[in-house]
Each structure stands twice: as structure tokens, then as C-alpha cells.
Amino acid sequence: RRNYDSLFELLDMAGERNLRVSVVLLGAFKKAYSEGILEKCRVYQRKFNNLHFYHEMVVDQPEFDSVIRRSQFLWLPLQPVSLISDGVPEQYGQSTSSVNIADAIRHAKPFFAPAWLQVESPLEKSCIRYESVADIITIMEQLSGAAYTAIQANAYEASLHFTKERIIARNEELFT
């Protein structure tokens, strides 16, 4: 479901441009496919100290929340279409969604999302769109402290559209 090749592309580009970037993978390596990704992570980690990942099958909630709180951005390196276990194709933003969007809302974090991903309109102000990994690098290089403060404020404002009260108000027929 994730494009891990883009992760290594981002880390390589950041290194080439001397851009200080640290990435934390907050998920478990469970499936056969992820063994290859885990090995790539281990090889990368032997050379550099800006990629962090967990070996546990589940990252406990307090640790997960702590890492998200310390993060400046969330990144959704999603593939447009993925196959679920029985071979049924799922299209992000149409037939499935990323739980990372809920994390962005819950923690009021700005997030990088592929240009093709559909998100609810209130989230657009906290969503930084990209076509390629090079776009992410360029955005981070040009992002000043004031610009980050503004996008962080936008993320907070966007998160307020998803409080329990606002969700109930928008969907009264479901809650009466």
C-alpha cells in the first residue's frame, strides 16, 4: 500500500542537498513483501542515522502518539491502487482511505499527500500536495519558519472540522 521506493528516494535526495530530514516508520513489518523493505531499511540505517523504524508487530499507542507529536509532518507515500488479501483492487480516496489522515486530524499535523489523493475539503488547507518526491524536497527547502507556523495553524483549523460535535451536526440523521 505504501511506496517505499519513494522513501529511499526522499532520503537520497535530502542527503544530496544537505537537507536535514529524519523519517520514522510507525508501522510493523508483517508481510513477505515488507521483509525486503525491512532489509533495505537496515542497510540504510547502517550508513545513516536519519531513518528510524520499529521491530515490534505493534507500536503501542503512547509511543505512537509521542512520535507523531514530535513530528513536523506526516507523509502518505501511497500507491494509487493496491491489492487487498483476496486480490481485490483498492483505490485510495475512492474505495479505501489511509488511517494516517485520521492521525493528521487527531494530532493537527500538516501532511504530504500525492496530488491524485482525494481528501475532504476542510483538510486541503493542511494537505501539501506533491507529484514527485522532488516536489517534497523543494517544498521543505523553501519552507520558512513563518510558513511552517501558518501551515501548522491551518492543520489545527482543519482538525476542528472533525470534532465529535461537528461530525454529529453534519450527520444528524445518523445520530437521531
C-alpha atoms as a PDB file:
ATOM      1  CA  ARG A   1       0.000   0.000   0.000  1.00  0.00           C
ATOM      2  CA  ARG A   2       2.931   2.329   0.569  1.00  0.00           C
ATOM      3  CA  ASN A   3       5.523   3.307  -1.985  1.00  0.00           C
ATOM      4  CA  TYR A   4       8.685   2.588  -0.021  1.00  0.00           C
ATOM      5  CA  ASP A   5      10.855   3.265  -3.049  1.00  0.00           C
ATOM      6  CA  SER A   6       9.803   6.904  -2.665  1.00  0.00           C
ATOM      7  CA  LEU A   7      11.023   6.801   0.956  1.00  0.00           C
ATOM      8  CA  PHE A   8      14.535   5.921  -0.139  1.00  0.00           C
ATOM      9  CA  GLU A   9      14.335   8.406  -2.994  1.00  0.00           C
ATOM     10  CA  LEU A  10      13.443  11.146  -0.495  1.00  0.00           C
ATOM     11  CA  LEU A  11      16.272  10.173   1.856  1.00  0.00           C
ATOM     12  CA  ASP A  12      18.782  10.079  -1.010  1.00  0.00           C
ATOM     13  CA  MET A  13      17.679  13.448  -2.426  1.00  0.00           C
ATOM     14  CA  ALA A  14      17.735  15.059   1.010  1.00  0.00           C
ATOM     15  CA  GLY A  15      21.265  13.743   1.546  1.00  0.00           C
ATOM     16  CA  GLU A  16      22.437  15.044  -1.827  1.00  0.00           C
ATOM     17  CA  ARG A  17      21.086  18.507  -0.995  1.00  0.00           C
ATOM     18  CA  ASN A  18      22.269  18.503   2.641  1.00  0.00           C
ATOM     19  CA  LEU A  19      18.673  18.856   3.794  1.00  0.00           C
ATOM     20  CA  ARG A  20      18.206  17.657   7.350  1.00  0.00           C
ATOM     21  CA  VAL A  21      15.402  15.128   7.236  1.00  0.00           C
ATOM     22  CA  SER A  22      14.540  12.419   9.706  1.00  0.00           C
ATOM     23  CA  VAL A  23      11.951   9.755   8.890  1.00  0.00           C
ATOM     24  CA  VAL A  24      10.185   7.458  11.332  1.00  0.00           C
ATOM     25  CA  LEU A  25       8.238   4.463  10.053  1.00  0.00           C
ATOM     26  CA  LEU A  26       5.449   3.897  12.559  1.00  0.00           C
ATOM     27  CA  GLY A  27       4.241   0.528  11.413  1.00  0.00           C
ATOM     28  CA  ALA A  28       5.133  -3.093  11.653  1.00  0.00           C
ATOM     29  CA  PHE A  29       6.911  -5.160   9.017  1.00  0.00           C
ATOM     30  CA  LYS A  30       4.500  -8.077   8.806  1.00  0.00           C
ATOM     31  CA  LYS A  31       4.149  -9.487   5.338  1.00  0.00           C
ATOM     32  CA  ALA A  32       6.543 -11.221   2.975  1.00  0.00           C
ATOM     33  CA  TYR A  33       6.791  -8.067   0.838  1.00  0.00           C
ATOM     34  CA  SER A  34       7.869  -5.996   3.804  1.00  0.00           C
ATOM     35  CA  GLU A  35      10.858  -8.241   4.539  1.00  0.00           C
ATOM     36  CA  GLY A  36      12.643  -6.723   1.535  1.00  0.00           C
ATOM     37  CA  ILE A  37      11.755  -3.224   2.722  1.00  0.00           C
ATOM     38  CA  LEU A  38      12.957  -4.045   6.227  1.00  0.00           C
ATOM     39  CA  GLU A  39      16.288  -5.219   4.827  1.00  0.00           C
ATOM     40  CA  LYS A  40      16.645  -2.000   2.788  1.00  0.00           C
ATOM     41  CA  CYS A  41      15.948  -0.041   5.983  1.00  0.00           C
ATOM     42  CA  ARG A  42      18.600  -1.992   7.878  1.00  0.00           C
ATOM     43  CA  VAL A  43      21.187  -1.416   5.130  1.00  0.00           C
ATOM     44  CA  TYR A  44      20.367   2.303   5.011  1.00  0.00           C
ATOM     45  CA  GLN A  45      20.468   2.576   8.813  1.00  0.00           C
ATOM     46  CA  ARG A  46      23.991   1.117   8.924  1.00  0.00           C
ATOM     47  CA  LYS A  47      25.204   4.122   6.912  1.00  0.00           C
ATOM     48  CA  PHE A  48      22.948   6.929   8.145  1.00  0.00           C
ATOM     49  CA  ASN A  49      21.118   7.904  11.323  1.00  0.00           C
ATOM     50  CA  ASN A  50      18.015   9.626   9.919  1.00  0.00           C
ATOM     51  CA  LEU A  51      15.756   6.609   9.372  1.00  0.00           C
ATOM     52  CA  HIS A  52      14.031   5.059  12.374  1.00  0.00           C
ATOM     53  CA  PHE A  53      11.702   2.090  12.480  1.00  0.00           C
ATOM     54  CA  TYR A  54      10.198  -0.399  14.896  1.00  0.00           C
ATOM     55  CA  HIS A  55      10.718  -4.140  15.117  1.00  0.00           C
ATOM     56  CA  GLU A  56       7.604  -4.833  17.203  1.00  0.00           C
ATOM     57  CA  MET A  57       4.465  -6.093  15.475  1.00  0.00           C
ATOM     58  CA  VAL A  58       2.500  -3.240  17.062  1.00  0.00           C
ATOM     59  CA  VAL A  59       3.748   0.177  18.146  1.00  0.00           C
ATOM     60  CA  ASP A  60       1.913   0.895  21.393  1.00  0.00           C
ATOM     61  CA  GLN A  61      -0.375   3.931  21.390  1.00  0.00           C
ATOM     62  CA  PRO A  62       1.586   6.110  23.846  1.00  0.00           C
ATOM     63  CA  GLU A  63       4.770   5.656  21.783  1.00  0.00           C
ATOM     64  CA  PHE A  64       2.892   6.215  18.524  1.00  0.00           C
ATOM     65  CA  ASP A  65       1.320   9.427  19.857  1.00  0.00           C
ATOM     66  CA  SER A  66       4.654  10.655  21.207  1.00  0.00           C
ATOM     67  CA  VAL A  67       6.368  10.225  17.842  1.00  0.00           C
ATOM     68  CA  ILE A  68       3.523  11.950  15.986  1.00  0.00           C
ATOM     69  CA  ARG A  69       3.540  14.863  18.455  1.00  0.00           C
ATOM     70  CA  ARG A  70       7.269  15.411  17.856  1.00  0.00           C
ATOM     71  CA  SER A  71       6.876  15.211  14.072  1.00  0.00           C
ATOM     72  CA  GLN A  72       6.551  18.286  11.900  1.00  0.00           C
ATOM     73  CA  PHE A  73       4.763  16.498   9.058  1.00  0.00           C
ATOM     74  CA  LEU A  74       3.066  13.252   8.234  1.00  0.00           C
ATOM     75  CA  TRP A  75       3.763  11.769   4.833  1.00  0.00           C
ATOM     76  CA  LEU A  76       1.407   9.485   2.960  1.00  0.00           C
ATOM     77  CA  PRO A  77       3.588   7.793   0.314  1.00  0.00           C
ATOM     78  CA  LEU A  78       0.588   5.909  -1.014  1.00  0.00           C
ATOM     79  CA  GLN A  79       0.269   3.928  -4.199  1.00  0.00           C
ATOM     80  CA  PRO A  80      -2.895   4.827  -6.131  1.00  0.00           C
ATOM     81  CA  VAL A  81      -4.093   1.229  -6.291  1.00  0.00           C
ATOM     82  CA  SER A  82      -3.232  -1.672  -4.027  1.00  0.00           C
ATOM     83  CA  LEU A  83      -4.495  -5.216  -3.816  1.00  0.00           C
ATOM     84  CA  ILE A  84      -6.035  -6.477  -0.614  1.00  0.00           C
ATOM     85  CA  SER A  85      -5.517 -10.045   0.510  1.00  0.00           C
ATOM     86  CA  ASP A  86      -8.031 -11.655  -1.846  1.00  0.00           C
ATOM     87  CA  GLY A  87      -6.698  -9.794  -4.897  1.00  0.00           C
ATOM     88  CA  VAL A  88      -9.401  -7.116  -4.970  1.00  0.00           C
ATOM     89  CA  PRO A  89      -8.013  -3.754  -6.083  1.00  0.00           C
ATOM     90  CA  GLU A  90      -8.493  -0.836  -3.706  1.00  0.00           C
ATOM     91  CA  GLN A  91      -8.125   2.763  -4.875  1.00  0.00           C
ATOM     92  CA  TYR A  92      -7.053   5.278  -2.242  1.00  0.00           C
ATOM     93  CA  GLY A  93      -9.502   8.119  -1.799  1.00  0.00           C
ATOM     94  CA  GLN A  94     -12.270   6.119  -3.505  1.00  0.00           C
ATOM     95  CA  SER A  95     -12.698   2.607  -2.115  1.00  0.00           C
ATOM     96  CA  THR A  96     -10.261   2.905   0.788  1.00  0.00           C
ATOM     97  CA  SER A  97      -8.618   5.552   2.906  1.00  0.00           C
ATOM     98  CA  SER A  98      -5.412   5.906   4.860  1.00  0.00           C
ATOM     99  CA  VAL A  99      -5.621   5.873   8.633  1.00  0.00           C
ATOM    100  CA  ASN A 100      -2.768   8.383   8.505  1.00  0.00           C
ATOM    101  CA  ILE A 101      -5.343  11.020   7.565  1.00  0.00           C
ATOM    102  CA  ALA A 102      -7.072  10.366  10.885  1.00  0.00           C
ATOM    103  CA  ASP A 103      -3.677  10.745  12.584  1.00  0.00           C
ATOM    104  CA  ALA A 104      -3.181  14.103  10.823  1.00  0.00           C
ATOM    105  CA  ILE A 105      -6.596  15.220  12.062  1.00  0.00           C
ATOM    106  CA  ARG A 106      -6.189  13.901  15.600  1.00  0.00           C
ATOM    107  CA  HIS A 107      -2.751  15.455  16.046  1.00  0.00           C
ATOM    108  CA  ALA A 108      -3.439  18.563  13.901  1.00  0.00           C
ATOM    109  CA  LYS A 109      -0.413  17.895  11.698  1.00  0.00           C
ATOM    110  CA  PRO A 110       0.211  19.119   8.178  1.00  0.00           C
ATOM    111  CA  PHE A 111       0.698  16.237   5.781  1.00  0.00           C
ATOM    112  CA  PHE A 112       2.193  15.489   2.401  1.00  0.00           C
ATOM    113  CA  ALA A 113      -0.191  13.631   0.107  1.00  0.00           C
ATOM    114  CA  PRO A 114       0.014  12.628  -3.537  1.00  0.00           C
ATOM    115  CA  ALA A 115      -1.714  15.074  -5.880  1.00  0.00           C
ATOM    116  CA  TRP A 116      -4.180  12.382  -7.004  1.00  0.00           C
ATOM    117  CA  LEU A 117      -5.460  11.555  -3.491  1.00  0.00           C
ATOM    118  CA  GLN A 118      -8.959  12.795  -2.727  1.00  0.00           C
ATOM    119  CA  VAL A 119      -9.360  14.254   0.768  1.00  0.00           C
ATOM    120  CA  GLU A 120     -12.248  16.043   2.389  1.00  0.00           C
ATOM    121  CA  SER A 121     -12.229  19.746   1.540  1.00  0.00           C
ATOM    122  CA  PRO A 122     -11.505  21.027   5.094  1.00  0.00           C
ATOM    123  CA  LEU A 123      -8.248  19.043   5.014  1.00  0.00           C
ATOM    124  CA  GLU A 124      -6.952  20.721   1.865  1.00  0.00           C
ATOM    125  CA  LYS A 125      -5.551  23.609   3.909  1.00  0.00           C
ATOM    126  CA  SER A 126      -3.323  21.229   5.889  1.00  0.00           C
ATOM    127  CA  CYS A 127      -2.518  18.965   2.947  1.00  0.00           C
ATOM    128  CA  ILE A 128       0.638  19.668   0.961  1.00  0.00           C
ATOM    129  CA  ARG A 129       0.252  18.114  -2.480  1.00  0.00           C
ATOM    130  CA  TYR A 130       3.088  16.610  -4.462  1.00  0.00           C
ATOM    131  CA  GLU A 131       3.542  14.993  -7.859  1.00  0.00           C
ATOM    132  CA  SER A 132       7.003  13.624  -7.128  1.00  0.00           C
ATOM    133  CA  VAL A 133       9.457  13.230  -4.278  1.00  0.00           C
ATOM    134  CA  ALA A 134      11.426  16.138  -5.766  1.00  0.00           C
ATOM    135  CA  ASP A 135       8.383  18.332  -5.038  1.00  0.00           C
ATOM    136  CA  ILE A 136       8.551  17.390  -1.337  1.00  0.00           C
ATOM    137  CA  ILE A 137      12.256  18.226  -1.208  1.00  0.00           C
ATOM    138  CA  THR A 138      11.701  21.586  -2.919  1.00  0.00           C
ATOM    139  CA  ILE A 139       8.841  22.449  -0.559  1.00  0.00           C
ATOM    140  CA  MET A 140      10.929  21.586   2.504  1.00  0.00           C
ATOM    141  CA  GLU A 141      13.902  23.604   1.200  1.00  0.00           C
ATOM    142  CA  GLN A 142      11.715  26.661   0.683  1.00  0.00           C
ATOM    143  CA  LEU A 143       9.689  26.357   3.874  1.00  0.00           C
ATOM    144  CA  SER A 144      10.492  29.151   6.313  1.00  0.00           C
ATOM    145  CA  GLY A 145       9.614  29.113   9.990  1.00  0.00           C
ATOM    146  CA  ALA A 146       6.745  31.542   9.397  1.00  0.00           C
ATOM    147  CA  ALA A 147       5.384  29.446   6.533  1.00  0.00           C
ATOM    148  CA  TYR A 148       5.516  26.310   8.692  1.00  0.00           C
ATOM    149  CA  THR A 149       3.736  28.131  11.521  1.00  0.00           C
ATOM    150  CA  ALA A 150       0.998  29.125   9.068  1.00  0.00           C
ATOM    151  CA  ILE A 151       0.534  25.609   7.714  1.00  0.00           C
ATOM    152  CA  GLN A 152       0.542  24.217  11.261  1.00  0.00           C
ATOM    153  CA  ALA A 153      -2.224  26.707  12.142  1.00  0.00           C
ATOM    154  CA  ASN A 154      -4.116  25.532   9.042  1.00  0.00           C
ATOM    155  CA  ALA A 155      -3.763  21.926  10.207  1.00  0.00           C
ATOM    156  CA  TYR A 156      -5.190  22.846  13.602  1.00  0.00           C
ATOM    157  CA  GLU A 157      -8.080  24.718  11.988  1.00  0.00           C
ATOM    158  CA  ALA A 158      -8.744  21.773   9.652  1.00  0.00           C
ATOM    159  CA  SER A 159      -8.793  19.358  12.585  1.00  0.00           C
ATOM    160  CA  LEU A 160     -11.576  21.367  14.226  1.00  0.00           C
ATOM    161  CA  HIS A 161     -13.907  20.318  11.393  1.00  0.00           C
ATOM    162  CA  PHE A 162     -13.709  16.767  12.719  1.00  0.00           C
ATOM    163  CA  THR A 163     -14.663  17.204  16.369  1.00  0.00           C
ATOM    164  CA  LYS A 164     -17.372  14.900  17.630  1.00  0.00           C
ATOM    165  CA  GLU A 165     -19.848  17.778  17.769  1.00  0.00           C
ATOM    166  CA  ARG A 166     -19.209  18.882  14.191  1.00  0.00           C
ATOM    167  CA  ILE A 167     -19.396  15.355  12.835  1.00  0.00           C
ATOM    168  CA  ILE A 168     -22.726  14.802  14.596  1.00  0.00           C
ATOM    169  CA  ALA A 169     -24.043  18.158  13.329  1.00  0.00           C
ATOM    170  CA  ARG A 170     -23.102  17.256   9.737  1.00  0.00           C
ATOM    171  CA  ASN A 171     -24.702  13.815  10.061  1.00  0.00           C
ATOM    172  CA  GLU A 172     -27.709  14.432  12.304  1.00  0.00           C
ATOM    173  CA  GLU A 173     -29.810  11.785  10.568  1.00  0.00           C
ATOM    174  CA  LEU A 174     -27.328   9.125  11.659  1.00  0.00           C
ATOM    175  CA  PHE A 175     -27.361  10.191  15.308  1.00  0.00           C
ATOM    176  CA  THR A 176     -31.089  10.676  15.953  1.00  0.00           C
END
